[in-house]
Amino acid sequence: MVRHTAACTLAFALALVLTGCGILGGSGPAAKPEILIGRDKVPKEALQWVETQTRTRQVVRKTFGSWDVYVITMGEQRTGGYAVKIENAGFDSGKTWIVDVKFIEPAPGQMVTQALTYPYETFAVPKGVPAKVRLIDKNGQPIELQVKAG
């Protein structure tokens, strides 16, 4: 009985420490706001708006409920083989999400679909949490992109 009580006490104390550090989803000092990446993760009410933003190359932000939704687009492309890929998303010391993206293009001579495409990617952060979007160029250098309000 004493062993069982000691083990339960130790497990409870460990859970409190891990929660306080943010490891188990607590709101301790190490916790950071959530980020939702991908069309299937952003709020469903935002998807129709996202689809209307894909015609031109841009980064646009709009608030839906408790989320700021961002869409990064390449605009109209004449073939398939293009994509927008989120390479990395990190929370910096200034409490800002830094989201690095790459624009993928088909290789020369690559077989691609002959159709107009509108490549994009989307992500959402809690309303009011700042985010910067950087394009990683062909040399691996980040270029900060201007975010427009939608």
N, C-alpha and C. Protein backbone atom coordinates (compact mmCIF):
# COMPACT_ATOMS: atom_id res chain seq x y z
N MET A 1 0.82 -1.19 0.00
CA MET A 1 0.00 0.00 0.00
C MET A 1 0.86 1.25 0.00
N VAL A 2 1.95 1.24 0.81
CA VAL A 2 2.84 2.39 0.88
C VAL A 2 3.52 2.61 -0.46
N ARG A 3 3.96 1.52 -1.11
CA ARG A 3 4.59 1.63 -2.43
C ARG A 3 3.63 2.23 -3.44
N HIS A 4 2.38 1.77 -3.43
CA HIS A 4 1.37 2.27 -4.36
C HIS A 4 1.13 3.76 -4.16
N THR A 5 1.02 4.21 -2.91
CA THR A 5 0.79 5.62 -2.60
C THR A 5 1.99 6.46 -3.02
N ALA A 6 3.18 5.97 -2.76
CA ALA A 6 4.40 6.70 -3.14
C ALA A 6 4.50 6.81 -4.65
N ALA A 7 4.18 5.73 -5.36
CA ALA A 7 4.24 5.75 -6.83
C ALA A 7 3.21 6.72 -7.38
N CYS A 8 2.01 6.74 -6.82
CA CYS A 8 0.97 7.67 -7.28
C CYS A 8 1.38 9.11 -7.01
N THR A 9 1.96 9.36 -5.85
CA THR A 9 2.41 10.72 -5.50
C THR A 9 3.51 11.16 -6.45
N LEU A 10 4.45 10.28 -6.76
CA LEU A 10 5.54 10.61 -7.68
C LEU A 10 5.00 10.88 -9.08
N ALA A 11 4.08 10.07 -9.55
CA ALA A 11 3.49 10.26 -10.88
C ALA A 11 2.73 11.58 -10.94
N PHE A 12 1.99 11.91 -9.89
CA PHE A 12 1.24 13.18 -9.85
C PHE A 12 2.20 14.37 -9.87
N ALA A 13 3.27 14.30 -9.09
CA ALA A 13 4.25 15.39 -9.04
C ALA A 13 4.92 15.57 -10.40
N LEU A 14 5.27 14.45 -11.06
CA LEU A 14 5.88 14.53 -12.39
C LEU A 14 4.94 15.16 -13.40
N ALA A 15 3.66 14.78 -13.35
CA ALA A 15 2.67 15.37 -14.26
C ALA A 15 2.54 16.87 -14.02
N LEU A 16 2.56 17.31 -12.78
CA LEU A 16 2.49 18.75 -12.48
C LEU A 16 3.69 19.49 -13.05
N VAL A 17 4.89 18.92 -12.90
CA VAL A 17 6.10 19.56 -13.42
C VAL A 17 6.04 19.64 -14.94
N LEU A 18 5.68 18.55 -15.60
CA LEU A 18 5.64 18.54 -17.06
C LEU A 18 4.57 19.51 -17.59
N THR A 19 3.43 19.59 -16.93
CA THR A 19 2.38 20.52 -17.34
C THR A 19 2.84 21.95 -17.16
N GLY A 20 3.48 22.25 -16.06
CA GLY A 20 3.98 23.60 -15.79
C GLY A 20 5.03 24.04 -16.79
N CYS A 21 5.80 23.09 -17.32
CA CYS A 21 6.82 23.42 -18.32
C CYS A 21 6.24 23.50 -19.72
N GLY A 22 4.98 23.16 -19.87
CA GLY A 22 4.36 23.22 -21.19
C GLY A 22 4.50 21.94 -21.99
N ILE A 23 5.17 20.93 -21.44
CA ILE A 23 5.40 19.70 -22.18
C ILE A 23 4.10 18.93 -22.39
N LEU A 24 3.21 18.96 -21.41
CA LEU A 24 1.93 18.26 -21.53
C LEU A 24 0.79 19.20 -21.88
N GLY A 25 1.09 20.32 -22.52
CA GLY A 25 0.04 21.21 -22.98
C GLY A 25 -0.42 22.22 -21.95
N GLY A 26 0.32 22.39 -20.88
CA GLY A 26 -0.05 23.38 -19.86
C GLY A 26 0.22 24.78 -20.35
N SER A 27 -0.10 25.76 -19.54
CA SER A 27 0.10 27.15 -19.93
C SER A 27 1.30 27.74 -19.22
N GLY A 28 2.29 26.91 -18.91
CA GLY A 28 3.50 27.37 -18.23
C GLY A 28 4.32 28.25 -19.14
N PRO A 29 5.48 28.71 -18.65
CA PRO A 29 6.29 29.65 -19.41
C PRO A 29 6.80 29.11 -20.74
N ALA A 30 6.93 27.78 -20.90
CA ALA A 30 7.44 27.23 -22.15
C ALA A 30 6.34 27.03 -23.19
N ALA A 31 5.08 27.20 -22.81
CA ALA A 31 3.97 26.98 -23.75
C ALA A 31 3.95 28.06 -24.81
N LYS A 32 3.59 27.68 -26.03
CA LYS A 32 3.46 28.64 -27.12
C LYS A 32 2.10 28.46 -27.76
N PRO A 33 1.59 29.51 -28.38
CA PRO A 33 0.28 29.39 -29.03
C PRO A 33 0.32 28.33 -30.13
N GLU A 34 -0.80 27.72 -30.34
CA GLU A 34 -0.94 26.68 -31.36
C GLU A 34 -0.86 27.29 -32.75
N ILE A 35 -0.40 26.50 -33.70
CA ILE A 35 -0.45 26.87 -35.12
C ILE A 35 -1.10 25.70 -35.86
N LEU A 36 -2.01 26.02 -36.76
CA LEU A 36 -2.70 25.01 -37.57
C LEU A 36 -2.18 25.14 -38.99
N ILE A 37 -1.60 24.10 -39.54
CA ILE A 37 -1.02 24.15 -40.87
C ILE A 37 -1.77 23.22 -41.80
N GLY A 38 -2.23 23.76 -42.93
CA GLY A 38 -2.88 22.94 -43.94
C GLY A 38 -4.36 23.21 -44.07
N ARG A 39 -4.85 22.97 -45.27
CA ARG A 39 -6.28 23.20 -45.59
C ARG A 39 -7.21 22.42 -44.70
N ASP A 40 -6.79 21.22 -44.31
CA ASP A 40 -7.66 20.38 -43.49
C ASP A 40 -7.64 20.76 -42.02
N LYS A 41 -6.78 21.71 -41.63
CA LYS A 41 -6.66 22.09 -40.23
C LYS A 41 -7.28 23.46 -39.91
N VAL A 42 -7.28 24.37 -40.87
CA VAL A 42 -7.79 25.73 -40.59
C VAL A 42 -9.30 25.68 -40.38
N PRO A 43 -9.87 26.69 -39.72
CA PRO A 43 -11.32 26.69 -39.49
C PRO A 43 -12.09 26.51 -40.79
N LYS A 44 -13.09 25.65 -40.76
CA LYS A 44 -13.87 25.32 -41.97
C LYS A 44 -14.52 26.55 -42.60
N GLU A 45 -14.96 27.51 -41.76
CA GLU A 45 -15.61 28.71 -42.30
C GLU A 45 -14.65 29.58 -43.12
N ALA A 46 -13.33 29.33 -43.00
CA ALA A 46 -12.35 30.12 -43.75
C ALA A 46 -12.09 29.56 -45.15
N LEU A 47 -12.44 28.33 -45.40
CA LEU A 47 -12.06 27.68 -46.66
C LEU A 47 -12.62 28.35 -47.90
N GLN A 48 -13.85 28.81 -47.86
CA GLN A 48 -14.42 29.48 -49.03
C GLN A 48 -13.65 30.77 -49.32
N TRP A 49 -13.33 31.54 -48.29
CA TRP A 49 -12.53 32.76 -48.48
C TRP A 49 -11.16 32.42 -49.04
N VAL A 50 -10.52 31.37 -48.49
CA VAL A 50 -9.19 30.97 -48.96
C VAL A 50 -9.22 30.72 -50.47
N GLU A 51 -10.22 29.99 -50.94
CA GLU A 51 -10.32 29.68 -52.37
C GLU A 51 -10.43 30.93 -53.24
N THR A 52 -11.01 32.01 -52.71
CA THR A 52 -11.16 33.24 -53.50
C THR A 52 -9.87 34.05 -53.57
N GLN A 53 -8.86 33.66 -52.81
CA GLN A 53 -7.61 34.43 -52.74
C GLN A 53 -6.49 33.89 -53.62
N THR A 54 -6.73 32.81 -54.35
CA THR A 54 -5.64 32.08 -55.01
C THR A 54 -5.26 32.59 -56.40
N ARG A 55 -5.95 33.54 -56.94
CA ARG A 55 -5.73 33.96 -58.33
C ARG A 55 -4.45 34.77 -58.55
N THR A 56 -3.98 35.47 -57.51
CA THR A 56 -2.76 36.28 -57.65
C THR A 56 -1.74 35.86 -56.60
N ARG A 57 -0.48 36.14 -56.88
CA ARG A 57 0.60 35.80 -55.95
C ARG A 57 0.55 36.79 -54.78
N GLN A 58 0.34 36.24 -53.56
CA GLN A 58 0.21 37.12 -52.40
C GLN A 58 0.22 36.31 -51.11
N VAL A 59 0.31 37.04 -49.99
CA VAL A 59 0.09 36.48 -48.67
C VAL A 59 -1.00 37.35 -48.04
N VAL A 60 -2.10 36.72 -47.62
CA VAL A 60 -3.24 37.46 -47.09
C VAL A 60 -3.64 36.86 -45.75
N ARG A 61 -4.09 37.74 -44.84
CA ARG A 61 -4.55 37.32 -43.51
C ARG A 61 -5.97 37.82 -43.27
N LYS A 62 -6.80 36.98 -42.66
CA LYS A 62 -8.15 37.39 -42.29
C LYS A 62 -8.55 36.63 -41.02
N THR A 63 -9.28 37.31 -40.14
CA THR A 63 -9.71 36.71 -38.88
C THR A 63 -11.04 35.98 -39.06
N PHE A 64 -11.08 34.76 -38.53
CA PHE A 64 -12.29 33.95 -38.49
C PHE A 64 -12.44 33.45 -37.06
N GLY A 65 -13.42 34.00 -36.34
CA GLY A 65 -13.62 33.61 -34.95
C GLY A 65 -12.39 33.94 -34.12
N SER A 66 -11.81 32.93 -33.50
CA SER A 66 -10.64 33.14 -32.65
C SER A 66 -9.32 32.83 -33.37
N TRP A 67 -9.35 32.77 -34.71
CA TRP A 67 -8.15 32.44 -35.49
C TRP A 67 -7.86 33.50 -36.54
N ASP A 68 -6.57 33.80 -36.72
CA ASP A 68 -6.10 34.57 -37.86
C ASP A 68 -5.63 33.56 -38.90
N VAL A 69 -6.29 33.56 -40.05
CA VAL A 69 -5.99 32.60 -41.11
C VAL A 69 -5.14 33.29 -42.17
N TYR A 70 -4.06 32.64 -42.58
CA TYR A 70 -3.15 33.15 -43.59
C TYR A 70 -3.22 32.23 -44.81
N VAL A 71 -3.16 32.83 -46.00
CA VAL A 71 -3.07 32.03 -47.22
C VAL A 71 -1.88 32.58 -48.02
N ILE A 72 -1.01 31.67 -48.46
CA ILE A 72 0.16 32.00 -49.26
C ILE A 72 -0.08 31.41 -50.64
N THR A 73 -0.09 32.25 -51.66
CA THR A 73 -0.44 31.78 -53.00
C THR A 73 0.67 32.07 -54.00
N MET A 74 0.72 31.27 -55.05
CA MET A 74 1.63 31.49 -56.18
C MET A 74 0.90 32.13 -57.35
N GLY A 75 -0.40 32.31 -57.22
CA GLY A 75 -1.17 32.86 -58.33
C GLY A 75 -1.42 31.80 -59.39
N GLU A 76 -1.91 32.25 -60.53
CA GLU A 76 -2.24 31.33 -61.61
C GLU A 76 -0.98 30.79 -62.28
N GLN A 77 -0.92 29.48 -62.45
CA GLN A 77 0.17 28.81 -63.16
C GLN A 77 -0.43 28.06 -64.34
N ARG A 78 0.29 27.98 -65.44
CA ARG A 78 -0.25 27.40 -66.68
C ARG A 78 -0.22 25.87 -66.72
N THR A 79 0.49 25.26 -65.77
CA THR A 79 0.58 23.80 -65.72
C THR A 79 0.56 23.32 -64.28
N GLY A 80 0.53 22.01 -64.12
CA GLY A 80 0.71 21.40 -62.81
C GLY A 80 2.18 21.41 -62.45
N GLY A 81 2.51 20.83 -61.33
CA GLY A 81 3.90 20.75 -60.89
C GLY A 81 4.33 21.86 -59.95
N TYR A 82 3.46 22.82 -59.71
CA TYR A 82 3.75 23.93 -58.80
C TYR A 82 3.12 23.64 -57.45
N ALA A 83 3.76 24.14 -56.39
CA ALA A 83 3.20 23.96 -55.04
C ALA A 83 3.79 25.01 -54.11
N VAL A 84 3.06 25.27 -53.05
CA VAL A 84 3.55 26.09 -51.95
C VAL A 84 3.73 25.14 -50.78
N LYS A 85 4.94 25.10 -50.22
CA LYS A 85 5.23 24.15 -49.15
C LYS A 85 5.73 24.91 -47.93
N ILE A 86 5.10 24.69 -46.78
CA ILE A 86 5.60 25.26 -45.53
C ILE A 86 6.74 24.37 -45.06
N GLU A 87 7.94 24.96 -45.04
CA GLU A 87 9.15 24.23 -44.68
C GLU A 87 9.35 24.16 -43.17
N ASN A 88 9.01 25.25 -42.49
CA ASN A 88 9.29 25.34 -41.06
C ASN A 88 8.36 26.37 -40.43
N ALA A 89 7.98 26.14 -39.20
CA ALA A 89 7.21 27.12 -38.44
C ALA A 89 7.75 27.09 -37.02
N GLY A 90 8.23 28.25 -36.58
CA GLY A 90 8.80 28.33 -35.24
C GLY A 90 8.36 29.60 -34.54
N PHE A 91 8.38 29.55 -33.23
CA PHE A 91 7.96 30.68 -32.41
C PHE A 91 9.22 31.35 -31.91
N ASP A 92 9.46 32.63 -32.29
CA ASP A 92 10.70 33.30 -31.88
C ASP A 92 10.57 33.92 -30.49
N SER A 93 11.68 34.47 -30.01
CA SER A 93 11.69 35.04 -28.65
C SER A 93 10.81 36.28 -28.53
N GLY A 94 10.48 36.90 -29.66
CA GLY A 94 9.59 38.06 -29.64
C GLY A 94 8.13 37.68 -29.67
N LYS A 95 7.84 36.39 -29.45
CA LYS A 95 6.46 35.87 -29.41
C LYS A 95 5.74 36.04 -30.75
N THR A 96 6.48 35.81 -31.83
CA THR A 96 5.95 35.88 -33.18
C THR A 96 6.21 34.55 -33.88
N TRP A 97 5.20 34.04 -34.58
CA TRP A 97 5.41 32.86 -35.41
C TRP A 97 6.20 33.27 -36.64
N ILE A 98 7.22 32.51 -36.97
CA ILE A 98 7.99 32.69 -38.20
C ILE A 98 7.69 31.46 -39.05
N VAL A 99 7.09 31.68 -40.21
CA VAL A 99 6.69 30.58 -41.09
C VAL A 99 7.50 30.69 -42.38
N ASP A 100 8.32 29.69 -42.64
CA ASP A 100 9.15 29.65 -43.84
C ASP A 100 8.47 28.80 -44.91
N VAL A 101 8.37 29.35 -46.12
CA VAL A 101 7.74 28.64 -47.22
C VAL A 101 8.68 28.55 -48.42
N LYS A 102 8.43 27.56 -49.25
CA LYS A 102 9.14 27.43 -50.53
C LYS A 102 8.09 27.36 -51.62
N PHE A 103 8.40 27.97 -52.74
CA PHE A 103 7.58 27.84 -53.93
C PHE A 103 8.24 26.76 -54.78
N ILE A 104 7.52 25.69 -55.00
CA ILE A 104 8.03 24.55 -55.78
C ILE A 104 7.61 24.74 -57.23
N GLU A 105 8.56 24.55 -58.14
CA GLU A 105 8.29 24.65 -59.58
C GLU A 105 8.69 23.34 -60.24
N PRO A 106 8.04 22.98 -61.34
CA PRO A 106 8.43 21.74 -62.01
C PRO A 106 9.84 21.86 -62.59
N ALA A 107 10.54 20.75 -62.61
CA ALA A 107 11.88 20.72 -63.21
C ALA A 107 11.76 20.88 -64.71
N PRO A 108 12.77 21.45 -65.37
CA PRO A 108 12.73 21.56 -66.83
C PRO A 108 12.53 20.18 -67.47
N GLY A 109 11.59 20.09 -68.38
CA GLY A 109 11.31 18.83 -69.07
C GLY A 109 10.44 17.86 -68.29
N GLN A 110 10.07 18.20 -67.08
CA GLN A 110 9.22 17.32 -66.27
C GLN A 110 7.83 17.22 -66.88
N MET A 111 7.25 16.01 -66.90
CA MET A 111 5.89 15.81 -67.37
C MET A 111 4.94 16.42 -66.34
N VAL A 112 4.05 17.31 -66.80
CA VAL A 112 3.11 17.97 -65.89
C VAL A 112 1.73 18.01 -66.53
N THR A 113 0.73 18.19 -65.70
CA THR A 113 -0.64 18.36 -66.17
C THR A 113 -0.75 19.66 -66.95
N GLN A 114 -1.43 19.63 -68.09
CA GLN A 114 -1.64 20.83 -68.90
C GLN A 114 -2.98 21.45 -68.52
N ALA A 115 -2.96 22.19 -67.43
CA ALA A 115 -4.18 22.83 -66.92
C ALA A 115 -3.78 24.01 -66.05
N LEU A 116 -4.64 24.99 -65.97
CA LEU A 116 -4.40 26.10 -65.06
C LEU A 116 -4.49 25.60 -63.63
N THR A 117 -3.51 25.98 -62.82
CA THR A 117 -3.51 25.61 -61.41
C THR A 117 -3.30 26.86 -60.56
N TYR A 118 -3.68 26.77 -59.30
CA TYR A 118 -3.60 27.91 -58.38
C TYR A 118 -3.01 27.40 -57.05
N PRO A 119 -1.71 27.13 -57.04
CA PRO A 119 -1.11 26.53 -55.84
C PRO A 119 -1.15 27.49 -54.64
N TYR A 120 -1.43 26.92 -53.47
CA TYR A 120 -1.44 27.71 -52.25
C TYR A 120 -1.27 26.80 -51.04
N GLU A 121 -0.97 27.42 -49.93
CA GLU A 121 -0.98 26.74 -48.63
C GLU A 121 -1.56 27.71 -47.63
N THR A 122 -2.03 27.18 -46.54
CA THR A 122 -2.68 28.02 -45.54
C THR A 122 -2.30 27.57 -44.14
N PHE A 123 -2.35 28.52 -43.21
CA PHE A 123 -2.14 28.21 -41.80
C PHE A 123 -2.94 29.19 -40.97
N ALA A 124 -3.12 28.86 -39.70
CA ALA A 124 -3.86 29.74 -38.79
C ALA A 124 -3.17 29.77 -37.44
N VAL A 125 -3.18 30.95 -36.82
CA VAL A 125 -2.66 31.13 -35.47
C VAL A 125 -3.76 31.79 -34.64
N PRO A 126 -3.69 31.68 -33.32
CA PRO A 126 -4.72 32.34 -32.51
C PRO A 126 -4.79 33.84 -32.82
N LYS A 127 -6.01 34.37 -32.83
CA LYS A 127 -6.26 35.77 -33.14
C LYS A 127 -5.34 36.67 -32.31
N GLY A 128 -4.67 37.60 -33.00
CA GLY A 128 -3.81 38.56 -32.32
C GLY A 128 -2.37 38.12 -32.15
N VAL A 129 -2.07 36.85 -32.39
CA VAL A 129 -0.68 36.38 -32.29
C VAL A 129 0.02 36.72 -33.61
N PRO A 130 1.08 37.51 -33.58
CA PRO A 130 1.72 37.91 -34.83
C PRO A 130 2.41 36.75 -35.54
N ALA A 131 2.44 36.85 -36.87
CA ALA A 131 3.14 35.85 -37.69
C ALA A 131 3.82 36.56 -38.84
N LYS A 132 5.03 36.13 -39.16
CA LYS A 132 5.77 36.60 -40.33
C LYS A 132 5.92 35.43 -41.28
N VAL A 133 5.80 35.72 -42.56
CA VAL A 133 5.96 34.68 -43.58
C VAL A 133 7.21 35.01 -44.38
N ARG A 134 8.10 34.02 -44.49
CA ARG A 134 9.35 34.22 -45.25
C ARG A 134 9.43 33.21 -46.38
N LEU A 135 9.76 33.70 -47.56
CA LEU A 135 10.01 32.83 -48.72
C LEU A 135 11.48 32.43 -48.68
N ILE A 136 11.73 31.13 -48.74
CA ILE A 136 13.11 30.64 -48.80
C ILE A 136 13.48 30.57 -50.28
N ASP A 137 14.44 31.41 -50.69
CA ASP A 137 14.81 31.47 -52.11
C ASP A 137 15.66 30.28 -52.51
N LYS A 138 16.06 30.23 -53.78
CA LYS A 138 16.81 29.08 -54.32
C LYS A 138 18.18 28.92 -53.69
N ASN A 139 18.68 30.00 -53.04
CA ASN A 139 19.97 29.94 -52.35
C ASN A 139 19.80 29.64 -50.86
N GLY A 140 18.56 29.38 -50.44
CA GLY A 140 18.31 29.07 -49.04
C GLY A 140 18.18 30.30 -48.14
N GLN A 141 18.11 31.48 -48.74
CA GLN A 141 18.00 32.71 -47.96
C GLN A 141 16.55 33.10 -47.75
N PRO A 142 16.19 33.52 -46.53
CA PRO A 142 14.79 33.93 -46.28
C PRO A 142 14.53 35.36 -46.74
N ILE A 143 13.39 35.56 -47.37
CA ILE A 143 12.94 36.89 -47.80
C ILE A 143 11.57 37.09 -47.17
N GLU A 144 11.44 38.11 -46.31
CA GLU A 144 10.15 38.33 -45.65
C GLU A 144 9.13 38.84 -46.67
N LEU A 145 7.96 38.22 -46.65
CA LEU A 145 6.89 38.59 -47.57
C LEU A 145 5.91 39.53 -46.87
N GLN A 146 5.39 40.47 -47.61
CA GLN A 146 4.40 41.40 -47.06
C GLN A 146 3.06 40.66 -46.91
N VAL A 147 2.43 40.85 -45.76
CA VAL A 147 1.14 40.23 -45.49
C VAL A 147 0.07 41.31 -45.64
N LYS A 148 -0.91 41.03 -46.50
CA LYS A 148 -2.02 41.97 -46.70
C LYS A 148 -3.21 41.54 -45.85
N ALA A 149 -3.98 42.51 -45.42
CA ALA A 149 -5.22 42.20 -44.70
C ALA A 149 -6.28 41.84 -45.73
N GLY A 150 -7.05 40.81 -45.44
CA GLY A 150 -8.08 40.37 -46.37
C GLY A 150 -9.39 40.71 -45.85
